[in-house]
Amino acid sequence: MHCCKKIKYFFCLLLLVALPVMADGVHAMRADGIKMPDGTVLVGTRFYIDLPQALQSVLKQGIPLQFNLSYQVNRPSRVAYKLRFNHLFKDDNIISYKLSYHPVTNRYRVAMGSFYTEYPSLDTALKALGATANWQILPQGSLKDYSAADVQISVQLALNEQRLPKPYQINAADKSKHWHLDSGWVRLNIVGE
């Protein structure tokens, strides 16, 4: 009996030590899609981002962080192949988010192209990264002949390490948890309309 208590204590201690390590990263909280009658898909996503202290420090130094939200079609295979080929020539499957800190106003800014919103805290700014509603993907008619059950699409939110200044890219090359933020490919829950 005394041995079991030690084992339980050991595992509780191990969990407490490992918990902060597992907390860093990007995790999908919502990834939904609606297949429209015209063959397009409307995507809605929300992610939880736990920004490591090293990247928070970089941000406070005035270096913006860029995140990319992208999608890929996995099924039907004919459509997936055609779209992968098209994405080699143009980046129409990506939304870029730029997170920056402005020390004069002590506010965080999330920009998508020329549109931006300012936030009073890092936590609220991080909630805006990767958040989409009704993002229309795929050319019209792409999935017109397929049901929602036949379609498999995944999304990914990741830090764009190539957009960091060169000295930070060297740090990012070691792929440590402090520099490599990536949700991995998350499958959309697709319903038909």
C-alpha atoms as a PDB file:
ATOM      1  CA  MET A   1       0.000   0.000   0.000  1.00  0.00           C
ATOM      2  CA  HIS A   2       2.822   2.378   0.883  1.00  0.00           C
ATOM      3  CA  CYS A   3       4.457   1.661  -2.509  1.00  0.00           C
ATOM      4  CA  CYS A   4       1.249   2.600  -4.356  1.00  0.00           C
ATOM      5  CA  LYS A   5       1.198   5.997  -2.638  1.00  0.00           C
ATOM      6  CA  LYS A   6       4.778   6.655  -3.744  1.00  0.00           C
ATOM      7  CA  ILE A   7       3.916   5.715  -7.324  1.00  0.00           C
ATOM      8  CA  LYS A   8       0.844   7.985  -7.316  1.00  0.00           C
ATOM      9  CA  TYR A   9       2.931  10.785  -5.819  1.00  0.00           C
ATOM     10  CA  PHE A  10       5.607  10.248  -8.481  1.00  0.00           C
ATOM     11  CA  PHE A  11       3.060  10.395 -11.344  1.00  0.00           C
ATOM     12  CA  CYS A  12       1.392  13.511  -9.913  1.00  0.00           C
ATOM     13  CA  LEU A  13       4.794  15.161  -9.641  1.00  0.00           C
ATOM     14  CA  LEU A  14       5.653  14.092 -13.192  1.00  0.00           C
ATOM     15  CA  LEU A  15       2.356  15.522 -14.463  1.00  0.00           C
ATOM     16  CA  LEU A  16       3.024  18.870 -12.766  1.00  0.00           C
ATOM     17  CA  VAL A  17       6.490  19.048 -14.303  1.00  0.00           C
ATOM     18  CA  ALA A  18       5.276  18.020 -17.780  1.00  0.00           C
ATOM     19  CA  LEU A  19       2.176  20.239 -17.812  1.00  0.00           C
ATOM     20  CA  PRO A  20       3.959  23.501 -18.692  1.00  0.00           C
ATOM     21  CA  VAL A  21       5.814  21.726 -21.507  1.00  0.00           C
ATOM     22  CA  MET A  22       2.574  20.404 -22.987  1.00  0.00           C
ATOM     23  CA  ALA A  23       0.849  23.787 -22.637  1.00  0.00           C
ATOM     24  CA  ASP A  24       3.057  25.555 -25.214  1.00  0.00           C
ATOM     25  CA  GLY A  25       1.764  25.416 -28.739  1.00  0.00           C
ATOM     26  CA  VAL A  26      -1.209  25.857 -30.996  1.00  0.00           C
ATOM     27  CA  HIS A  27      -4.363  23.816 -30.521  1.00  0.00           C
ATOM     28  CA  ALA A  28      -7.571  23.926 -32.552  1.00  0.00           C
ATOM     29  CA  MET A  29     -10.633  24.729 -30.472  1.00  0.00           C
ATOM     30  CA  ARG A  30     -13.013  24.838 -33.448  1.00  0.00           C
ATOM     31  CA  ALA A  31     -12.605  23.697 -37.045  1.00  0.00           C
ATOM     32  CA  ASP A  32     -15.870  23.559 -38.964  1.00  0.00           C
ATOM     33  CA  GLY A  33     -16.856  23.697 -42.604  1.00  0.00           C
ATOM     34  CA  ILE A  34     -20.136  24.058 -44.483  1.00  0.00           C
ATOM     35  CA  LYS A  35     -20.283  22.673 -48.011  1.00  0.00           C
ATOM     36  CA  MET A  36     -22.349  25.083 -50.049  1.00  0.00           C
ATOM     37  CA  PRO A  37     -24.579  24.073 -53.006  1.00  0.00           C
ATOM     38  CA  ASP A  38     -22.297  26.005 -55.400  1.00  0.00           C
ATOM     39  CA  GLY A  39     -19.382  23.662 -54.561  1.00  0.00           C
ATOM     40  CA  THR A  40     -17.451  26.002 -52.241  1.00  0.00           C
ATOM     41  CA  VAL A  41     -16.836  25.482 -48.526  1.00  0.00           C
ATOM     42  CA  LEU A  42     -17.233  28.067 -45.761  1.00  0.00           C
ATOM     43  CA  VAL A  43     -14.672  27.553 -42.994  1.00  0.00           C
ATOM     44  CA  GLY A  44     -14.845  28.647 -39.367  1.00  0.00           C
ATOM     45  CA  THR A  45     -11.859  28.201 -37.055  1.00  0.00           C
ATOM     46  CA  ARG A  46     -10.610  29.221 -33.638  1.00  0.00           C
ATOM     47  CA  PHE A  47      -7.278  28.308 -32.074  1.00  0.00           C
ATOM     48  CA  TYR A  48      -5.728  28.428 -28.633  1.00  0.00           C
ATOM     49  CA  ILE A  49      -2.146  29.715 -28.763  1.00  0.00           C
ATOM     50  CA  ASP A  50       0.190  29.496 -25.804  1.00  0.00           C
ATOM     51  CA  LEU A  51       3.052  31.747 -26.856  1.00  0.00           C
ATOM     52  CA  PRO A  52       6.348  30.661 -25.256  1.00  0.00           C
ATOM     53  CA  GLN A  53       8.262  33.218 -23.208  1.00  0.00           C
ATOM     54  CA  ALA A  54      11.053  33.372 -25.818  1.00  0.00           C
ATOM     55  CA  LEU A  55       8.599  34.518 -28.505  1.00  0.00           C
ATOM     56  CA  GLN A  56       6.898  36.954 -26.112  1.00  0.00           C
ATOM     57  CA  SER A  57      10.315  38.514 -25.544  1.00  0.00           C
ATOM     58  CA  VAL A  58      10.930  38.781 -29.299  1.00  0.00           C
ATOM     59  CA  LEU A  59       7.528  40.423 -29.711  1.00  0.00           C
ATOM     60  CA  LYS A  60       8.265  42.958 -26.935  1.00  0.00           C
ATOM     61  CA  GLN A  61      11.504  43.854 -28.755  1.00  0.00           C
ATOM     62  CA  GLY A  62       9.365  45.138 -31.644  1.00  0.00           C
ATOM     63  CA  ILE A  63       9.725  42.137 -33.936  1.00  0.00           C
ATOM     64  CA  PRO A  64       6.355  41.100 -35.409  1.00  0.00           C
ATOM     65  CA  LEU A  65       5.330  37.447 -35.611  1.00  0.00           C
ATOM     66  CA  GLN A  66       3.523  36.177 -38.689  1.00  0.00           C
ATOM     67  CA  PHE A  67       1.177  33.199 -38.558  1.00  0.00           C
ATOM     68  CA  ASN A  68      -0.291  31.455 -41.583  1.00  0.00           C
ATOM     69  CA  LEU A  69      -3.658  29.734 -41.648  1.00  0.00           C
ATOM     70  CA  SER A  70      -3.853  27.367 -44.589  1.00  0.00           C
ATOM     71  CA  TYR A  71      -6.065  24.586 -45.854  1.00  0.00           C
ATOM     72  CA  GLN A  72      -5.583  21.462 -47.898  1.00  0.00           C
ATOM     73  CA  VAL A  73      -8.145  19.218 -49.551  1.00  0.00           C
ATOM     74  CA  ASN A  74      -7.535  15.522 -48.865  1.00  0.00           C
ATOM     75  CA  ARG A  75     -10.665  14.064 -50.493  1.00  0.00           C
ATOM     76  CA  PRO A  76     -11.952  13.754 -53.183  1.00  0.00           C
ATOM     77  CA  SER A  77      -8.535  12.878 -54.564  1.00  0.00           C
ATOM     78  CA  ARG A  78      -9.115  14.360 -58.033  1.00  0.00           C
ATOM     79  CA  VAL A  79      -9.961  17.782 -56.575  1.00  0.00           C
ATOM     80  CA  ALA A  80      -7.120  17.499 -54.026  1.00  0.00           C
ATOM     81  CA  TYR A  81      -4.537  16.794 -56.732  1.00  0.00           C
ATOM     82  CA  LYS A  82      -5.721  19.683 -58.897  1.00  0.00           C
ATOM     83  CA  LEU A  83      -5.662  22.147 -55.980  1.00  0.00           C
ATOM     84  CA  ARG A  84      -2.200  21.063 -54.800  1.00  0.00           C
ATOM     85  CA  PHE A  85      -0.911  21.718 -58.295  1.00  0.00           C
ATOM     86  CA  ASN A  86      -2.569  25.171 -58.357  1.00  0.00           C
ATOM     87  CA  HIS A  87      -1.131  26.070 -54.918  1.00  0.00           C
ATOM     88  CA  LEU A  88       2.382  25.620 -56.301  1.00  0.00           C
ATOM     89  CA  PHE A  89       1.851  28.765 -58.386  1.00  0.00           C
ATOM     90  CA  LYS A  90      -0.275  30.919 -56.085  1.00  0.00           C
ATOM     91  CA  ASP A  91      -0.922  31.174 -52.348  1.00  0.00           C
ATOM     92  CA  ASP A  92      -4.696  31.476 -52.428  1.00  0.00           C
ATOM     93  CA  ASN A  93      -4.999  28.838 -49.699  1.00  0.00           C
ATOM     94  CA  ILE A  94      -3.375  30.992 -46.995  1.00  0.00           C
ATOM     95  CA  ILE A  95      -4.515  33.764 -44.668  1.00  0.00           C
ATOM     96  CA  SER A  96      -1.577  35.602 -43.065  1.00  0.00           C
ATOM     97  CA  TYR A  97      -1.879  37.167 -39.627  1.00  0.00           C
ATOM     98  CA  LYS A  98       0.765  39.556 -38.297  1.00  0.00           C
ATOM     99  CA  LEU A  99       1.029  40.007 -34.529  1.00  0.00           C
ATOM    100  CA  SER A 100       2.970  43.047 -33.330  1.00  0.00           C
ATOM    101  CA  TYR A 101       3.485  44.999 -30.125  1.00  0.00           C
ATOM    102  CA  HIS A 102       3.516  48.802 -29.915  1.00  0.00           C
ATOM    103  CA  PRO A 103       5.337  50.033 -26.787  1.00  0.00           C
ATOM    104  CA  VAL A 104       4.112  53.642 -27.055  1.00  0.00           C
ATOM    105  CA  THR A 105       0.450  52.609 -26.742  1.00  0.00           C
ATOM    106  CA  ASN A 106       1.235  49.366 -24.839  1.00  0.00           C
ATOM    107  CA  ARG A 107      -1.142  47.526 -27.170  1.00  0.00           C
ATOM    108  CA  TYR A 108      -0.960  44.501 -29.418  1.00  0.00           C
ATOM    109  CA  ARG A 109      -2.015  44.615 -33.059  1.00  0.00           C
ATOM    110  CA  VAL A 110      -3.232  41.772 -35.253  1.00  0.00           C
ATOM    111  CA  ALA A 111      -3.203  42.601 -38.964  1.00  0.00           C
ATOM    112  CA  MET A 112      -4.571  40.755 -41.989  1.00  0.00           C
ATOM    113  CA  GLY A 113      -3.390  42.652 -45.027  1.00  0.00           C
ATOM    114  CA  SER A 114      -4.327  46.303 -44.516  1.00  0.00           C
ATOM    115  CA  PHE A 115      -7.031  45.460 -41.953  1.00  0.00           C
ATOM    116  CA  TYR A 116      -5.918  45.480 -38.320  1.00  0.00           C
ATOM    117  CA  THR A 117      -7.336  45.462 -34.813  1.00  0.00           C
ATOM    118  CA  GLU A 118      -5.616  46.552 -31.603  1.00  0.00           C
ATOM    119  CA  TYR A 119      -5.940  44.686 -28.310  1.00  0.00           C
ATOM    120  CA  PRO A 120      -5.102  45.720 -24.733  1.00  0.00           C
ATOM    121  CA  SER A 121      -3.439  42.406 -23.820  1.00  0.00           C
ATOM    122  CA  LEU A 122      -1.491  39.611 -25.442  1.00  0.00           C
ATOM    123  CA  ASP A 123      -4.106  37.026 -24.433  1.00  0.00           C
ATOM    124  CA  THR A 124      -6.894  38.788 -26.311  1.00  0.00           C
ATOM    125  CA  ALA A 125      -4.662  39.368 -29.354  1.00  0.00           C
ATOM    126  CA  LEU A 126      -3.747  35.667 -29.477  1.00  0.00           C
ATOM    127  CA  LYS A 127      -7.448  34.768 -29.621  1.00  0.00           C
ATOM    128  CA  ALA A 128      -7.713  36.684 -32.904  1.00  0.00           C
ATOM    129  CA  LEU A 129      -4.928  34.719 -34.601  1.00  0.00           C
ATOM    130  CA  GLY A 130      -6.398  32.018 -36.799  1.00  0.00           C
ATOM    131  CA  ALA A 131      -9.973  32.995 -36.013  1.00  0.00           C
ATOM    132  CA  THR A 132     -12.150  32.854 -39.116  1.00  0.00           C
ATOM    133  CA  ALA A 133     -15.833  32.830 -39.875  1.00  0.00           C
ATOM    134  CA  ASN A 134     -17.255  32.086 -43.313  1.00  0.00           C
ATOM    135  CA  TRP A 135     -13.850  31.918 -45.034  1.00  0.00           C
ATOM    136  CA  GLN A 136     -14.872  30.833 -48.538  1.00  0.00           C
ATOM    137  CA  ILE A 137     -12.365  28.375 -49.908  1.00  0.00           C
ATOM    138  CA  LEU A 138     -12.157  26.562 -53.239  1.00  0.00           C
ATOM    139  CA  PRO A 139     -13.243  27.903 -56.609  1.00  0.00           C
ATOM    140  CA  GLN A 140     -16.971  27.860 -57.279  1.00  0.00           C
ATOM    141  CA  GLY A 141     -18.112  24.455 -58.537  1.00  0.00           C
ATOM    142  CA  SER A 142     -15.083  22.548 -57.188  1.00  0.00           C
ATOM    143  CA  LEU A 143     -17.169  20.217 -55.012  1.00  0.00           C
ATOM    144  CA  LYS A 144     -20.558  20.594 -56.710  1.00  0.00           C
ATOM    145  CA  ASP A 145     -20.823  16.880 -57.581  1.00  0.00           C
ATOM    146  CA  TYR A 146     -19.814  15.655 -54.103  1.00  0.00           C
ATOM    147  CA  SER A 147     -21.713  15.308 -50.847  1.00  0.00           C
ATOM    148  CA  ALA A 148     -20.350  16.672 -47.554  1.00  0.00           C
ATOM    149  CA  ALA A 149     -19.527  13.088 -46.483  1.00  0.00           C
ATOM    150  CA  ASP A 150     -17.237  12.691 -49.522  1.00  0.00           C
ATOM    151  CA  VAL A 151     -15.178  15.774 -48.638  1.00  0.00           C
ATOM    152  CA  GLN A 152     -12.186  15.865 -46.321  1.00  0.00           C
ATOM    153  CA  ILE A 153     -10.410  19.179 -45.718  1.00  0.00           C
ATOM    154  CA  SER A 154      -7.779  20.052 -43.101  1.00  0.00           C
ATOM    155  CA  VAL A 155      -6.552  23.388 -41.744  1.00  0.00           C
ATOM    156  CA  GLN A 156      -3.266  24.368 -40.118  1.00  0.00           C
ATOM    157  CA  LEU A 157      -2.146  27.424 -38.152  1.00  0.00           C
ATOM    158  CA  ALA A 158       1.627  27.855 -37.871  1.00  0.00           C
ATOM    159  CA  LEU A 159       4.221  30.484 -37.091  1.00  0.00           C
ATOM    160  CA  ASN A 160       5.942  31.514 -40.329  1.00  0.00           C
ATOM    161  CA  GLU A 161       9.553  31.147 -39.231  1.00  0.00           C
ATOM    162  CA  GLN A 162      10.887  32.433 -42.579  1.00  0.00           C
ATOM    163  CA  ARG A 163       9.397  35.866 -41.837  1.00  0.00           C
ATOM    164  CA  LEU A 164      11.538  36.272 -38.701  1.00  0.00           C
ATOM    165  CA  PRO A 165      14.763  38.308 -38.982  1.00  0.00           C
ATOM    166  CA  LYS A 166      17.793  36.154 -39.951  1.00  0.00           C
ATOM    167  CA  PRO A 167      19.313  35.818 -36.444  1.00  0.00           C
ATOM    168  CA  TYR A 168      15.999  34.501 -35.143  1.00  0.00           C
ATOM    169  CA  GLN A 169      15.649  32.128 -38.077  1.00  0.00           C
ATOM    170  CA  ILE A 170      18.859  30.457 -36.901  1.00  0.00           C
ATOM    171  CA  ASN A 171      17.290  29.933 -33.474  1.00  0.00           C
ATOM    172  CA  ALA A 172      14.113  28.661 -35.104  1.00  0.00           C
ATOM    173  CA  ALA A 173      16.106  26.160 -37.179  1.00  0.00           C
ATOM    174  CA  ASP A 174      16.719  24.036 -34.095  1.00  0.00           C
ATOM    175  CA  LYS A 175      12.936  23.385 -34.041  1.00  0.00           C
ATOM    176  CA  SER A 176      12.756  23.787 -30.283  1.00  0.00           C
ATOM    177  CA  LYS A 177       9.357  24.206 -28.714  1.00  0.00           C
ATOM    178  CA  HIS A 178      10.154  27.879 -28.133  1.00  0.00           C
ATOM    179  CA  TRP A 179      10.290  28.674 -31.828  1.00  0.00           C
ATOM    180  CA  HIS A 180       8.221  26.057 -33.604  1.00  0.00           C
ATOM    181  CA  LEU A 181       4.501  26.766 -33.221  1.00  0.00           C
ATOM    182  CA  ASP A 182       2.234  24.628 -35.386  1.00  0.00           C
ATOM    183  CA  SER A 183      -1.229  23.168 -34.872  1.00  0.00           C
ATOM    184  CA  GLY A 184      -0.557  20.326 -37.286  1.00  0.00           C
ATOM    185  CA  TRP A 185      -3.231  19.484 -39.836  1.00  0.00           C
ATOM    186  CA  VAL A 186      -6.656  19.564 -38.172  1.00  0.00           C
ATOM    187  CA  ARG A 187      -9.531  17.931 -40.016  1.00  0.00           C
ATOM    188  CA  LEU A 188     -12.626  20.069 -40.518  1.00  0.00           C
ATOM    189  CA  ASN A 189     -15.984  18.873 -39.342  1.00  0.00           C
ATOM    190  CA  ILE A 190     -17.899  19.397 -42.617  1.00  0.00           C
ATOM    191  CA  VAL A 191     -21.658  19.510 -42.927  1.00  0.00           C
ATOM    192  CA  GLY A 192     -23.694  19.982 -46.091  1.00  0.00           C
ATOM    193  CA  GLU A 193     -26.202  22.690 -46.820  1.00  0.00           C
END
